[in-house]
Amino acid sequence: MRTLWLIAALVVGFSGANVALASDLPPQIEADKGFMTCYASLADMVKADKRYKRIPLDTEEQANAFVVQLHKLYTGQSTDVAFYAWMSMNYPGHDYEQVVVSEHVRRCKR
């Protein structure tokens, strides 16, 4: 579980600031090795992207909701359009980040 927490911090652009970390996720998400691999590689990519701005996941609830939305996108339970709408409603001003994240998840599914 601690690995998931650290990955969540990187995905949001952890830069030494306090960041809420995902925990208490549904077991099917934690058990989805393909998703977890995708999520870890997303963290690596975001860390190297100078344009990527931290998504303000400042509470555990926000971090969990973000991971759940990513998993829905990964498994096809959600679409890019639905993910963009969710991101825009919850984290306005992060258009670049939502495209980066959704494109990465789409590449993982291939």
Protein backbone atom coordinates (compact mmCIF):
# COMPACT_ATOMS: atom_id res chain seq x y z
CA MET A 1 0.00 0.00 0.00
CA ARG A 2 2.83 2.44 0.77
CA THR A 3 4.03 2.11 -2.84
CA LEU A 4 0.63 3.26 -4.09
CA TRP A 5 0.84 6.26 -1.77
CA LEU A 6 4.24 7.22 -3.12
CA ILE A 7 3.11 6.81 -6.71
CA ALA A 8 0.11 9.05 -6.07
CA ALA A 9 2.42 11.73 -4.76
CA LEU A 10 4.52 11.59 -7.91
CA VAL A 11 1.54 11.62 -10.25
CA VAL A 12 0.32 14.87 -8.80
CA GLY A 13 3.75 16.43 -9.20
CA PHE A 14 5.17 15.92 -5.72
CA SER A 15 7.85 18.48 -5.10
CA GLY A 16 8.49 18.11 -1.41
CA ALA A 17 5.20 19.73 -0.39
CA ASN A 18 2.63 17.95 1.71
CA VAL A 19 0.43 15.83 -0.54
CA ALA A 20 -2.52 13.69 0.42
CA LEU A 21 -1.88 10.07 -0.44
CA ALA A 22 -4.31 7.46 -1.71
CA SER A 23 -5.28 4.70 0.68
CA ASP A 24 -8.30 2.54 1.38
CA LEU A 25 -8.80 1.90 -2.31
CA PRO A 26 -11.15 -0.83 -3.48
CA PRO A 27 -9.31 -4.17 -3.48
CA GLN A 28 -9.90 -4.69 -7.20
CA ILE A 29 -7.84 -1.59 -7.94
CA GLU A 30 -4.98 -2.63 -5.69
CA ALA A 31 -5.04 -6.13 -7.21
CA ASP A 32 -5.00 -4.89 -10.82
CA LYS A 33 -1.32 -5.38 -11.65
CA GLY A 34 -1.68 -3.95 -15.16
CA PHE A 35 -3.19 -0.76 -13.81
CA MET A 36 -0.61 -0.48 -11.07
CA THR A 37 2.18 -0.86 -13.64
CA CYS A 38 0.55 1.81 -15.79
CA TYR A 39 0.14 4.08 -12.79
CA ALA A 40 3.78 3.66 -11.79
CA SER A 41 4.96 4.48 -15.32
CA LEU A 42 2.68 7.53 -15.34
CA ALA A 43 4.39 8.73 -12.19
CA ASP A 44 7.79 8.38 -13.87
CA MET A 45 6.60 10.24 -16.97
CA VAL A 46 5.03 13.09 -14.99
CA LYS A 47 8.13 13.51 -12.91
CA ALA A 48 10.13 14.14 -16.10
CA ASP A 49 7.55 16.50 -17.68
CA LYS A 50 8.46 20.11 -16.93
CA ARG A 51 5.07 21.39 -18.19
CA TYR A 52 3.05 19.13 -15.88
CA LYS A 53 1.63 21.06 -12.94
CA ARG A 54 0.68 19.48 -9.64
CA ILE A 55 -2.98 18.49 -9.44
CA PRO A 56 -4.06 19.65 -5.97
CA LEU A 57 -4.99 16.35 -4.36
CA ASP A 58 -4.83 17.78 -0.87
CA THR A 59 -6.98 15.27 0.98
CA GLU A 60 -6.99 11.50 1.14
CA GLU A 61 -10.51 11.57 -0.31
CA GLN A 62 -9.33 13.57 -3.33
CA ALA A 63 -6.35 11.27 -3.90
CA ASN A 64 -8.59 8.17 -3.70
CA ALA A 65 -11.15 9.68 -6.09
CA PHE A 66 -8.38 10.49 -8.58
CA VAL A 67 -7.06 6.92 -8.54
CA VAL A 68 -10.58 5.50 -8.89
CA GLN A 69 -11.23 7.75 -11.91
CA LEU A 70 -7.94 6.65 -13.49
CA HIS A 71 -8.83 3.02 -12.94
CA LYS A 72 -12.25 3.53 -14.56
CA LEU A 73 -10.51 5.08 -17.56
CA TYR A 74 -7.99 2.24 -17.69
CA THR A 75 -10.65 -0.49 -17.56
CA GLY A 76 -12.95 1.17 -20.08
CA GLN A 77 -15.65 1.90 -17.49
CA SER A 78 -15.16 5.57 -18.34
CA THR A 79 -14.21 7.55 -21.45
CA ASP A 80 -11.71 10.32 -22.05
CA VAL A 81 -14.63 12.75 -22.28
CA ALA A 82 -16.01 11.64 -18.91
CA PHE A 83 -12.52 11.85 -17.35
CA TYR A 84 -12.02 15.36 -18.80
CA ALA A 85 -15.41 16.43 -17.42
CA TRP A 86 -14.57 15.04 -13.98
CA MET A 87 -11.15 16.71 -13.98
CA SER A 88 -12.55 20.04 -15.20
CA MET A 89 -15.23 20.03 -12.53
CA ASN A 90 -12.87 19.07 -9.70
CA TYR A 91 -9.56 20.57 -10.87
CA PRO A 92 -10.18 23.44 -13.30
CA GLY A 93 -7.13 24.80 -15.06
CA HIS A 94 -5.43 21.42 -15.48
CA ASP A 95 -6.29 20.79 -19.12
CA TYR A 96 -2.73 19.84 -20.04
CA GLU A 97 -2.48 17.39 -17.14
CA GLN A 98 -5.78 15.67 -17.96
CA VAL A 99 -4.65 15.11 -21.56
CA VAL A 100 -1.25 13.79 -20.43
CA VAL A 101 -2.86 11.39 -17.98
CA SER A 102 -5.57 10.11 -20.32
CA GLU A 103 -3.18 9.63 -23.25
CA HIS A 104 -0.80 7.68 -21.04
CA VAL A 105 -3.61 5.45 -19.74
CA ARG A 106 -4.79 4.87 -23.33
CA ARG A 107 -1.26 3.79 -24.34
CA CYS A 108 -1.11 1.38 -21.40
CA LYS A 109 -4.29 -0.36 -22.54
CA ARG A 110 -2.81 -1.30 -25.93
